C-alpha atoms as a PDB file:
ATOM      1  CA  MET A   1       8.914  60.700 161.233  1.00  0.00           C
ATOM      2  CA  SER A   2      11.987  58.546 161.580  1.00  0.00           C
ATOM      3  CA  ALA A   3      12.181  55.559 163.906  1.00  0.00           C
ATOM      4  CA  VAL A   4      14.957  57.255 165.860  1.00  0.00           C
ATOM      5  CA  ASN A   5      12.886  60.357 166.583  1.00  0.00           C
ATOM      6  CA  GLU A   6       9.849  58.261 167.415  1.00  0.00           C
ATOM      7  CA  THR A   7      11.617  56.192 170.064  1.00  0.00           C
ATOM      8  CA  LYS A   8      13.824  58.653 171.913  1.00  0.00           C
ATOM      9  CA  PHE A   9      15.191  56.913 174.968  1.00  0.00           C
ATOM     10  CA  SER A  10      13.872  57.930 178.372  1.00  0.00           C
ATOM     11  CA  PRO A  11      14.862  56.069 181.548  1.00  0.00           C
ATOM     12  CA  ASP A  12      11.470  56.846 183.118  1.00  0.00           C
ATOM     13  CA  ILE A  13       9.233  55.129 180.569  1.00  0.00           C
ATOM     14  CA  PHE A  14       8.969  52.114 178.291  1.00  0.00           C
ATOM     15  CA  LEU A  15       7.392  52.152 174.840  1.00  0.00           C
ATOM     16  CA  LEU A  16       4.956  49.346 174.099  1.00  0.00           C
ATOM     17  CA  THR A  17       4.746  47.929 170.580  1.00  0.00           C
ATOM     18  CA  GLY A  18       1.784  46.802 168.507  1.00  0.00           C
ATOM     19  CA  ILE A  19       2.209  44.825 165.292  1.00  0.00           C
ATOM     20  CA  PRO A  20       5.337  46.237 163.562  1.00  0.00           C
ATOM     21  CA  GLY A  21       4.794  47.655 160.098  1.00  0.00           C
ATOM     22  CA  GLN A  22       1.008  47.778 160.461  1.00  0.00           C
ATOM     23  CA  GLU A  23       0.683  51.252 161.980  1.00  0.00           C
ATOM     24  CA  ASP A  24      -1.602  52.435 159.134  1.00  0.00           C
ATOM     25  CA  VAL A  25      -4.256  49.842 160.001  1.00  0.00           C
ATOM     26  CA  HIS A  26      -4.039  50.016 163.803  1.00  0.00           C
ATOM     27  CA  LEU A  27      -7.634  51.250 163.995  1.00  0.00           C
ATOM     28  CA  TRP A  28      -8.875  48.185 162.101  1.00  0.00           C
ATOM     29  CA  ILE A  29      -6.700  45.874 164.198  1.00  0.00           C
ATOM     30  CA  SER A  30      -8.349  47.310 167.319  1.00  0.00           C
ATOM     31  CA  VAL A  31     -11.755  45.934 166.241  1.00  0.00           C
ATOM     32  CA  PRO A  32     -11.036  42.236 166.981  1.00  0.00           C
ATOM     33  CA  PHE A  33      -9.342  43.223 170.254  1.00  0.00           C
ATOM     34  CA  CYS A  34     -12.446  45.175 171.270  1.00  0.00           C
ATOM     35  CA  LEU A  35     -14.572  42.124 170.491  1.00  0.00           C
ATOM     36  CA  VAL A  36     -12.225  39.859 172.467  1.00  0.00           C
ATOM     37  CA  TYR A  37     -12.355  42.249 175.421  1.00  0.00           C
ATOM     38  CA  PHE A  38     -16.155  42.461 175.327  1.00  0.00           C
ATOM     39  CA  ILE A  39     -16.705  38.694 174.982  1.00  0.00           C
ATOM     40  CA  SER A  40     -14.115  37.898 177.677  1.00  0.00           C
ATOM     41  CA  ILE A  41     -15.582  40.343 180.207  1.00  0.00           C
ATOM     42  CA  VAL A  42     -19.215  39.466 179.526  1.00  0.00           C
ATOM     43  CA  GLY A  43     -18.655  35.697 179.185  1.00  0.00           C
ATOM     44  CA  ASN A  44     -16.662  35.294 182.388  1.00  0.00           C
ATOM     45  CA  SER A  45     -18.946  37.697 184.307  1.00  0.00           C
ATOM     46  CA  VAL A  46     -22.015  35.677 183.263  1.00  0.00           C
ATOM     47  CA  ILE A  47     -20.381  32.431 184.441  1.00  0.00           C
ATOM     48  CA  LEU A  48     -19.486  34.035 187.780  1.00  0.00           C
ATOM     49  CA  PHE A  49     -23.037  35.357 188.220  1.00  0.00           C
ATOM     50  CA  ILE A  50     -24.730  32.060 187.291  1.00  0.00           C
ATOM     51  CA  ILE A  51     -22.552  29.907 189.554  1.00  0.00           C
ATOM     52  CA  LYS A  52     -22.798  32.340 192.481  1.00  0.00           C
ATOM     53  CA  THR A  53     -26.586  32.693 192.335  1.00  0.00           C
ATOM     54  CA  ASP A  54     -27.495  29.046 191.642  1.00  0.00           C
ATOM     55  CA  PRO A  55     -27.051  26.774 194.708  1.00  0.00           C
ATOM     56  CA  SER A  56     -27.290  23.675 192.507  1.00  0.00           C
ATOM     57  CA  LEU A  57     -23.980  24.705 190.887  1.00  0.00           C
ATOM     58  CA  HIS A  58     -22.099  24.891 194.180  1.00  0.00           C
ATOM     59  CA  GLU A  59     -20.251  21.680 193.393  1.00  0.00           C
ATOM     60  CA  PRO A  60     -16.476  21.144 193.089  1.00  0.00           C
ATOM     61  CA  MET A  61     -16.420  21.191 189.276  1.00  0.00           C
ATOM     62  CA  TYR A  62     -18.289  24.509 189.091  1.00  0.00           C
ATOM     63  CA  ILE A  63     -16.352  26.025 191.991  1.00  0.00           C
ATOM     64  CA  PHE A  64     -13.134  25.346 190.049  1.00  0.00           C
ATOM     65  CA  LEU A  65     -14.758  26.907 186.975  1.00  0.00           C
ATOM     66  CA  PHE A  66     -15.708  29.910 189.114  1.00  0.00           C
ATOM     67  CA  MET A  67     -12.067  30.310 190.166  1.00  0.00           C
ATOM     68  CA  LEU A  68     -10.907  29.940 186.557  1.00  0.00           C
ATOM     69  CA  ALA A  69     -13.363  32.624 185.419  1.00  0.00           C
ATOM     70  CA  ILE A  70     -12.037  35.053 188.066  1.00  0.00           C
ATOM     71  CA  THR A  71      -8.495  34.412 186.809  1.00  0.00           C
ATOM     72  CA  ASP A  72      -9.496  34.916 183.168  1.00  0.00           C
ATOM     73  CA  LEU A  73     -11.308  38.125 184.077  1.00  0.00           C
ATOM     74  CA  GLY A  74      -8.160  39.379 185.811  1.00  0.00           C
ATOM     75  CA  ILE A  75      -5.979  38.572 182.789  1.00  0.00           C
ATOM     76  CA  SER A  76      -8.331  40.467 180.446  1.00  0.00           C
ATOM     77  CA  ILE A  77      -8.485  43.534 182.692  1.00  0.00           C
ATOM     78  CA  THR A  78      -4.708  43.510 183.174  1.00  0.00           C
ATOM     79  CA  THR A  79      -3.631  43.228 179.538  1.00  0.00           C
ATOM     80  CA  ILE A  80      -6.253  44.371 177.024  1.00  0.00           C
ATOM     81  CA  PRO A  81      -6.547  48.059 178.087  1.00  0.00           C
ATOM     82  CA  THR A  82      -2.888  48.742 177.209  1.00  0.00           C
ATOM     83  CA  ILE A  83      -3.300  46.807 173.947  1.00  0.00           C
ATOM     84  CA  LEU A  84      -6.357  48.874 172.981  1.00  0.00           C
ATOM     85  CA  GLY A  85      -4.536  52.048 174.008  1.00  0.00           C
ATOM     86  CA  ILE A  86      -1.856  51.331 171.398  1.00  0.00           C
ATOM     87  CA  TYR A  87      -4.194  50.466 168.527  1.00  0.00           C
ATOM     88  CA  LEU A  88      -6.860  53.105 169.232  1.00  0.00           C
ATOM     89  CA  PHE A  89      -4.863  56.083 170.520  1.00  0.00           C
ATOM     90  CA  ASN A  90      -1.208  55.228 169.791  1.00  0.00           C
ATOM     91  CA  ALA A  91      -0.664  55.431 173.576  1.00  0.00           C
ATOM     92  CA  ARG A  92       2.625  53.546 173.706  1.00  0.00           C
ATOM     93  CA  GLU A  93       4.208  55.094 176.775  1.00  0.00           C
ATOM     94  CA  ILE A  94       4.050  53.306 180.117  1.00  0.00           C
ATOM     95  CA  SER A  95       5.922  54.303 183.278  1.00  0.00           C
ATOM     96  CA  LEU A  96       8.364  51.905 184.894  1.00  0.00           C
ATOM     97  CA  SER A  97       6.187  51.499 188.001  1.00  0.00           C
ATOM     98  CA  ALA A  98       3.052  50.835 185.936  1.00  0.00           C
ATOM     99  CA  CYS A  99       4.978  48.407 183.735  1.00  0.00           C
ATOM    100  CA  PHE A 100       6.361  46.476 186.715  1.00  0.00           C
ATOM    101  CA  THR A 101       2.870  46.341 188.273  1.00  0.00           C
ATOM    102  CA  GLN A 102       1.346  44.995 185.062  1.00  0.00           C
ATOM    103  CA  LEU A 103       4.225  42.546 184.730  1.00  0.00           C
ATOM    104  CA  PHE A 104       3.595  41.174 188.235  1.00  0.00           C
ATOM    105  CA  PHE A 105      -0.119  40.635 187.648  1.00  0.00           C
ATOM    106  CA  ILE A 106       0.392  39.044 184.217  1.00  0.00           C
ATOM    107  CA  HIS A 107       2.888  36.502 185.574  1.00  0.00           C
ATOM    108  CA  PHE A 108       0.883  35.964 188.767  1.00  0.00           C
ATOM    109  CA  LEU A 109      -2.403  35.365 186.935  1.00  0.00           C
ATOM    110  CA  ALA A 110      -0.753  33.150 184.315  1.00  0.00           C
ATOM    111  CA  LYS A 111       0.590  30.913 187.102  1.00  0.00           C
ATOM    112  CA  ILE A 112      -2.856  30.887 188.745  1.00  0.00           C
ATOM    113  CA  GLU A 113      -4.411  29.874 185.397  1.00  0.00           C
ATOM    114  CA  SER A 114      -2.005  26.939 185.216  1.00  0.00           C
ATOM    115  CA  SER A 115      -2.851  26.006 188.814  1.00  0.00           C
ATOM    116  CA  MET A 116      -6.598  26.144 188.126  1.00  0.00           C
ATOM    117  CA  LEU A 117      -6.207  23.809 185.155  1.00  0.00           C
ATOM    118  CA  LEU A 118      -4.251  21.409 187.376  1.00  0.00           C
ATOM    119  CA  MET A 119      -6.973  21.462 190.055  1.00  0.00           C
ATOM    120  CA  MET A 120      -9.638  20.871 187.411  1.00  0.00           C
ATOM    121  CA  ALA A 121      -7.641  17.888 186.111  1.00  0.00           C
ATOM    122  CA  PHE A 122      -7.531  16.556 189.683  1.00  0.00           C
ATOM    123  CA  ASP A 123     -11.319  17.049 189.865  1.00  0.00           C
ATOM    124  CA  ARG A 124     -11.859  14.994 186.688  1.00  0.00           C
ATOM    125  CA  PHE A 125      -9.418  12.333 187.941  1.00  0.00           C
ATOM    126  CA  ILE A 126     -11.321  11.873 191.225  1.00  0.00           C
ATOM    127  CA  ALA A 127     -14.726  11.997 189.506  1.00  0.00           C
ATOM    128  CA  ILE A 128     -13.822   9.232 187.040  1.00  0.00           C
ATOM    129  CA  CYS A 129     -11.312   7.091 188.921  1.00  0.00           C
ATOM    130  CA  ASN A 130     -12.811   7.303 192.418  1.00  0.00           C
ATOM    131  CA  PRO A 131     -16.422   8.498 192.043  1.00  0.00           C
ATOM    132  CA  LEU A 132     -17.672   7.013 195.338  1.00  0.00           C
ATOM    133  CA  ARG A 133     -15.270   9.197 197.342  1.00  0.00           C
ATOM    134  CA  TYR A 134     -15.639  12.306 195.155  1.00  0.00           C
ATOM    135  CA  ALA A 135     -17.784  14.274 197.631  1.00  0.00           C
ATOM    136  CA  SER A 136     -15.672  13.279 200.640  1.00  0.00           C
ATOM    137  CA  ILE A 137     -12.346  14.158 198.963  1.00  0.00           C
ATOM    138  CA  LEU A 138     -13.284  17.447 197.293  1.00  0.00           C
ATOM    139  CA  THR A 139     -14.940  19.204 200.226  1.00  0.00           C
ATOM    140  CA  LEU A 140     -15.335  22.988 200.260  1.00  0.00           C
ATOM    141  CA  PRO A 141     -12.683  23.535 202.993  1.00  0.00           C
ATOM    142  CA  ARG A 142     -10.218  21.374 201.059  1.00  0.00           C
ATOM    143  CA  ILE A 143     -10.911  23.228 197.813  1.00  0.00           C
ATOM    144  CA  ALA A 144     -10.399  26.560 199.626  1.00  0.00           C
ATOM    145  CA  LYS A 145      -7.070  25.355 201.037  1.00  0.00           C
ATOM    146  CA  MET A 146      -5.919  24.167 197.603  1.00  0.00           C
ATOM    147  CA  GLY A 147      -6.864  27.509 196.093  1.00  0.00           C
ATOM    148  CA  LEU A 148      -5.029  29.415 198.831  1.00  0.00           C
ATOM    149  CA  VAL A 149      -1.877  27.320 198.367  1.00  0.00           C
ATOM    150  CA  PHE A 150      -1.802  28.003 194.635  1.00  0.00           C
ATOM    151  CA  VAL A 151      -2.490  31.730 195.114  1.00  0.00           C
ATOM    152  CA  LEU A 152       0.428  31.914 197.560  1.00  0.00           C
ATOM    153  CA  ARG A 153       2.579  29.989 195.081  1.00  0.00           C
ATOM    154  CA  GLY A 154       1.641  32.470 192.357  1.00  0.00           C
ATOM    155  CA  VAL A 155       2.559  35.452 194.542  1.00  0.00           C
ATOM    156  CA  ALA A 156       5.798  33.811 195.699  1.00  0.00           C
ATOM    157  CA  VAL A 157       7.072  33.126 192.171  1.00  0.00           C
ATOM    158  CA  ALA A 158       5.805  36.346 190.506  1.00  0.00           C
ATOM    159  CA  LEU A 159       6.846  38.901 193.127  1.00  0.00           C
ATOM    160  CA  PRO A 160      10.631  38.497 192.565  1.00  0.00           C
ATOM    161  CA  PHE A 161      10.236  39.468 188.870  1.00  0.00           C
ATOM    162  CA  PRO A 162       9.629  43.210 189.423  1.00  0.00           C
ATOM    163  CA  ILE A 163      11.997  43.220 192.408  1.00  0.00           C
ATOM    164  CA  LEU A 164      14.841  41.831 190.277  1.00  0.00           C
ATOM    165  CA  LEU A 165      14.112  44.232 187.420  1.00  0.00           C
ATOM    166  CA  LYS A 166      14.050  47.313 189.675  1.00  0.00           C
ATOM    167  CA  ARG A 167      17.734  46.774 190.463  1.00  0.00           C
ATOM    168  CA  TYR A 168      18.781  47.522 186.882  1.00  0.00           C
ATOM    169  CA  ARG A 169      19.379  50.629 184.833  1.00  0.00           C
ATOM    170  CA  TYR A 170      17.996  50.560 181.294  1.00  0.00           C
ATOM    171  CA  CYS A 171      20.396  52.240 178.897  1.00  0.00           C
ATOM    172  CA  ARG A 172      20.182  50.147 175.727  1.00  0.00           C
ATOM    173  CA  SER A 173      16.658  51.011 174.644  1.00  0.00           C
ATOM    174  CA  ASN A 174      13.214  51.463 176.116  1.00  0.00           C
ATOM    175  CA  VAL A 175      11.164  49.866 173.323  1.00  0.00           C
ATOM    176  CA  LEU A 176       9.432  46.638 174.309  1.00  0.00           C
ATOM    177  CA  SER A 177       8.518  44.013 171.720  1.00  0.00           C
ATOM    178  CA  HIS A 178       4.960  43.430 173.010  1.00  0.00           C
ATOM    179  CA  SER A 179       1.828  45.448 173.811  1.00  0.00           C
ATOM    180  CA  TYR A 180       2.217  44.626 177.510  1.00  0.00           C
ATOM    181  CA  CYS A 181       5.065  44.164 179.974  1.00  0.00           C
ATOM    182  CA  LEU A 182       6.777  40.794 180.438  1.00  0.00           C
ATOM    183  CA  HIS A 183       9.819  39.885 182.520  1.00  0.00           C
ATOM    184  CA  GLN A 184      11.710  38.227 179.655  1.00  0.00           C
ATOM    185  CA  ASP A 185      11.074  41.271 177.448  1.00  0.00           C
ATOM    186  CA  ILE A 186      12.203  43.939 179.920  1.00  0.00           C
ATOM    187  CA  MET A 187      15.300  42.160 181.219  1.00  0.00           C
ATOM    188  CA  LYS A 188      16.858  42.203 177.728  1.00  0.00           C
ATOM    189  CA  LEU A 189      16.922  46.022 177.874  1.00  0.00           C
ATOM    190  CA  ALA A 190      19.003  46.159 181.058  1.00  0.00           C
ATOM    191  CA  CYS A 191      22.616  47.335 180.783  1.00  0.00           C
ATOM    192  CA  ALA A 192      23.817  44.724 183.297  1.00  0.00           C
ATOM    193  CA  ASP A 193      24.383  41.005 183.718  1.00  0.00           C
ATOM    194  CA  ILE A 194      20.953  39.315 183.659  1.00  0.00           C
ATOM    195  CA  THR A 195      22.125  35.762 184.437  1.00  0.00           C
ATOM    196  CA  VAL A 196      20.138  35.705 187.698  1.00  0.00           C
ATOM    197  CA  ASN A 197      16.955  36.720 185.870  1.00  0.00           C
ATOM    198  CA  ASN A 198      17.503  34.073 183.197  1.00  0.00           C
ATOM    199  CA  ILE A 199      18.045  31.315 185.764  1.00  0.00           C
ATOM    200  CA  TYR A 200      15.141  32.405 187.935  1.00  0.00           C
ATOM    201  CA  GLY A 201      12.773  32.707 184.962  1.00  0.00           C
ATOM    202  CA  LEU A 202      13.692  29.197 183.822  1.00  0.00           C
ATOM    203  CA  PHE A 203      13.311  27.874 187.375  1.00  0.00           C
ATOM    204  CA  VAL A 204       9.819  29.407 187.712  1.00  0.00           C
ATOM    205  CA  THR A 205       8.748  27.962 184.360  1.00  0.00           C
ATOM    206  CA  PHE A 206       9.817  24.473 185.440  1.00  0.00           C
ATOM    207  CA  ILE A 207       8.142  24.523 188.884  1.00  0.00           C
ATOM    208  CA  THR A 208       4.875  25.991 187.599  1.00  0.00           C
ATOM    209  CA  VAL A 209       3.922  25.551 183.949  1.00  0.00           C
ATOM    210  CA  TRP A 210       6.039  22.484 183.165  1.00  0.00           C
ATOM    211  CA  LEU A 211       5.299  20.737 186.483  1.00  0.00           C
ATOM    212  CA  ASP A 212       1.575  21.493 186.252  1.00  0.00           C
ATOM    213  CA  SER A 213       1.392  20.275 182.642  1.00  0.00           C
ATOM    214  CA  LEU A 214       3.226  17.067 183.588  1.00  0.00           C
ATOM    215  CA  LEU A 215       0.786  16.391 186.439  1.00  0.00           C
ATOM    216  CA  ILE A 216      -2.170  17.118 184.132  1.00  0.00           C
ATOM    217  CA  PHE A 217      -0.738  14.683 181.579  1.00  0.00           C
ATOM    218  CA  LEU A 218      -0.327  11.977 184.238  1.00  0.00           C
ATOM    219  CA  SER A 219      -3.876  12.608 185.441  1.00  0.00           C
ATOM    220  CA  TYR A 220      -5.220  11.988 181.964  1.00  0.00           C
ATOM    221  CA  VAL A 221      -3.100   8.871 181.560  1.00  0.00           C
ATOM    222  CA  MET A 222      -4.786   7.442 184.664  1.00  0.00           C
ATOM    223  CA  ILE A 223      -8.195   8.714 183.526  1.00  0.00           C
ATOM    224  CA  LEU A 224      -7.745   7.029 180.133  1.00  0.00           C
ATOM    225  CA  LYS A 225      -6.678   3.817 181.839  1.00  0.00           C
ATOM    226  CA  ALA A 226      -9.795   3.884 184.040  1.00  0.00           C
ATOM    227  CA  VAL A 227     -12.095   4.734 181.135  1.00  0.00           C
ATOM    228  CA  LEU A 228     -10.750   1.948 178.919  1.00  0.00           C
ATOM    229  CA  SER A 229     -11.549  -0.550 181.673  1.00  0.00           C
ATOM    230  CA  ILE A 230     -15.259   0.334 181.440  1.00  0.00           C
ATOM    231  CA  THR A 231     -17.087  -2.379 179.520  1.00  0.00           C
ATOM    232  CA  SER A 232     -20.022  -0.246 178.394  1.00  0.00           C
ATOM    233  CA  CYS A 233     -19.146   1.836 175.337  1.00  0.00           C
ATOM    234  CA  SER A 234     -21.782   4.469 176.134  1.00  0.00           C
ATOM    235  CA  GLU A 235     -20.488   4.857 179.706  1.00  0.00           C
ATOM    236  CA  CYS A 236     -16.943   5.129 178.378  1.00  0.00           C
ATOM    237  CA  LEU A 237     -17.920   7.927 175.973  1.00  0.00           C
ATOM    238  CA  ARG A 238     -19.937   9.689 178.672  1.00  0.00           C
ATOM    239  CA  ALA A 239     -16.935   9.695 181.008  1.00  0.00           C
ATOM    240  CA  LEU A 240     -14.645  11.048 178.283  1.00  0.00           C
ATOM    241  CA  ASN A 241     -17.205  13.702 177.328  1.00  0.00           C
ATOM    242  CA  THR A 242     -16.943  15.223 180.812  1.00  0.00           C
ATOM    243  CA  CYS A 243     -13.263  15.968 180.078  1.00  0.00           C
ATOM    244  CA  VAL A 244     -13.676  17.679 176.696  1.00  0.00           C
ATOM    245  CA  SER A 245     -14.122  21.208 178.064  1.00  0.00           C
ATOM    246  CA  HIS A 246     -11.100  20.879 180.313  1.00  0.00           C
ATOM    247  CA  LEU A 247      -8.949  19.443 177.533  1.00  0.00           C
ATOM    248  CA  CYS A 248      -9.858  22.414 175.315  1.00  0.00           C
ATOM    249  CA  ALA A 249      -8.877  24.822 178.106  1.00  0.00           C
ATOM    250  CA  VAL A 250      -5.571  22.962 178.601  1.00  0.00           C
ATOM    251  CA  LEU A 251      -4.705  23.057 174.895  1.00  0.00           C
ATOM    252  CA  VAL A 252      -5.616  26.745 174.504  1.00  0.00           C
ATOM    253  CA  PHE A 253      -3.372  27.688 177.441  1.00  0.00           C
ATOM    254  CA  TYR A 254      -0.390  25.339 177.126  1.00  0.00           C
ATOM    255  CA  MET A 255       0.098  25.084 173.348  1.00  0.00           C
ATOM    256  CA  PRO A 256       1.118  28.768 172.932  1.00  0.00           C
ATOM    257  CA  VAL A 257       3.320  28.493 176.057  1.00  0.00           C
ATOM    258  CA  PHE A 258       5.225  25.498 174.710  1.00  0.00           C
ATOM    259  CA  SER A 259       5.411  27.034 171.224  1.00  0.00           C
ATOM    260  CA  LEU A 260       6.898  30.259 172.591  1.00  0.00           C
ATOM    261  CA  THR A 261       9.379  28.273 174.705  1.00  0.00           C
ATOM    262  CA  VAL A 262      10.589  26.324 171.666  1.00  0.00           C
ATOM    263  CA  ILE A 263      10.846  29.497 169.561  1.00  0.00           C
ATOM    264  CA  HIS A 264      12.782  31.452 172.211  1.00  0.00           C
ATOM    265  CA  ARG A 265      15.204  28.593 172.923  1.00  0.00           C
ATOM    266  CA  PHE A 266      15.695  26.842 169.570  1.00  0.00           C
ATOM    267  CA  TRP A 267      14.276  29.015 166.756  1.00  0.00           C
ATOM    268  CA  LYS A 268      15.563  32.513 167.482  1.00  0.00           C
ATOM    269  CA  SER A 269      15.430  33.472 163.801  1.00  0.00           C
ATOM    270  CA  SER A 270      11.641  33.084 163.708  1.00  0.00           C
ATOM    271  CA  SER A 271       9.428  35.962 162.597  1.00  0.00           C
ATOM    272  CA  PRO A 272       8.734  38.564 165.324  1.00  0.00           C
ATOM    273  CA  LEU A 273       5.143  38.629 164.073  1.00  0.00           C
ATOM    274  CA  LEU A 274       4.766  34.927 164.948  1.00  0.00           C
ATOM    275  CA  GLN A 275       6.006  35.566 168.482  1.00  0.00           C
ATOM    276  CA  ILE A 276       3.651  38.534 168.884  1.00  0.00           C
ATOM    277  CA  LEU A 277       0.633  36.532 167.666  1.00  0.00           C
ATOM    278  CA  LEU A 278       1.465  33.568 169.931  1.00  0.00           C
ATOM    279  CA  GLY A 279       1.821  36.006 172.834  1.00  0.00           C
ATOM    280  CA  TYR A 280      -1.658  37.377 172.131  1.00  0.00           C
ATOM    281  CA  ILE A 281      -3.109  33.848 171.911  1.00  0.00           C
ATOM    282  CA  TYR A 282      -1.368  32.849 175.149  1.00  0.00           C
ATOM    283  CA  LEU A 283      -2.848  35.730 177.168  1.00  0.00           C
ATOM    284  CA  LEU A 284      -6.133  36.471 175.389  1.00  0.00           C
ATOM    285  CA  GLY A 285      -7.116  32.988 174.166  1.00  0.00           C
ATOM    286  CA  PRO A 286      -8.137  31.416 177.502  1.00  0.00           C
ATOM    287  CA  PRO A 287     -10.358  34.316 178.715  1.00  0.00           C
ATOM    288  CA  LEU A 288     -12.105  34.279 175.331  1.00  0.00           C
ATOM    289  CA  ILE A 289     -12.438  30.532 174.728  1.00  0.00           C
ATOM    290  CA  ASN A 290     -13.026  29.128 178.238  1.00  0.00           C
ATOM    291  CA  PRO A 291     -16.479  30.670 178.923  1.00  0.00           C
ATOM    292  CA  VAL A 292     -17.660  29.776 175.421  1.00  0.00           C
ATOM    293  CA  VAL A 293     -16.520  26.136 175.625  1.00  0.00           C
ATOM    294  CA  TYR A 294     -17.801  25.519 179.154  1.00  0.00           C
ATOM    295  CA  SER A 295     -21.140  27.181 178.384  1.00  0.00           C
ATOM    296  CA  MET A 296     -21.592  24.951 175.346  1.00  0.00           C
ATOM    297  CA  LYS A 297     -20.402  21.660 176.848  1.00  0.00           C
ATOM    298  CA  SER A 298     -21.997  21.874 180.331  1.00  0.00           C
ATOM    299  CA  LYS A 299     -25.719  21.134 179.931  1.00  0.00           C
ATOM    300  CA  HIS A 300     -26.575  22.313 183.434  1.00  0.00           C
ATOM    301  CA  LEU A 301     -24.661  25.584 183.067  1.00  0.00           C
ATOM    302  CA  ARG A 302     -26.042  26.166 179.574  1.00  0.00           C
ATOM    303  CA  ALA A 303     -29.593  25.600 180.801  1.00  0.00           C
ATOM    304  CA  ARG A 304     -29.153  28.085 183.646  1.00  0.00           C
ATOM    305  CA  ILE A 305     -27.691  30.729 181.316  1.00  0.00           C
ATOM    306  CA  ILE A 306     -30.568  30.308 178.843  1.00  0.00           C
ATOM    307  CA  LYS A 307     -33.087  30.503 181.695  1.00  0.00           C
ATOM    308  CA  VAL A 308     -31.593  33.784 182.953  1.00  0.00           C
ATOM    309  CA  PHE A 309     -31.529  35.487 179.543  1.00  0.00           C
ATOM    310  CA  VAL A 310     -34.840  34.138 178.258  1.00  0.00           C
ATOM    311  CA  LYS A 311     -36.809  35.436 181.262  1.00  0.00           C
END
């Protein structure tokens, strides 16, 4: 069947795309996505269960991890079902309303993920640079207020995306370049001036991802400065070791973001396959890696997990 017949334009639906040119092996490609989905759901659910049921883990660091696990769970549930639908059943069609809903939650949860990583950096900064005031600064009411502020920020910046896109008619094509709906992907299909969308998208990126990453970087500059002032080598290494899990989470989330930004702005001739793979890593990497890394690096959490499953 020709590409033209396969992608007949309809203003009521969008067509999602898997990995171009690999349609014959879609069933095999679905296997790693099924594994990612299973590990992400089970891993984050286990962390949520352990932290909720163990009073000894009701500390700021684990509360932030609890919030991160909820966010990762939301990202997995929002994105992977449509991805599996493409590779398992060739279910490419998605209605405009469903696409805009998915788009909102993807952008909202991605901004929340960035916010959680920022709060966890603040937690490590207080724990290392001002340990005597750690408990008095990071109280439960204060943590709840911080979480609420960042949730409201996520809603405030993500809600205009579907609202702006609903104003347009889509007459160029209805084939998206990813297996899920993104603002920057859909707006290119509009038969109208998308300057407002471009400016707003750039503005949101600067006040969320770029600002958060800058604050995280500054936090670690001050943490490194405090750690290097410790005379005991063992104490210095112990302090740095408490940051390893968070640093892994930061790298897994921000590296694909920055790579995609550079590719979209300065390397437009790059392979579409590279952009698709980075997009998968950006959305599916954190929910997969975070529970594994934190379970391995946190002795207390690891011990509780082993105790639950060995019973």
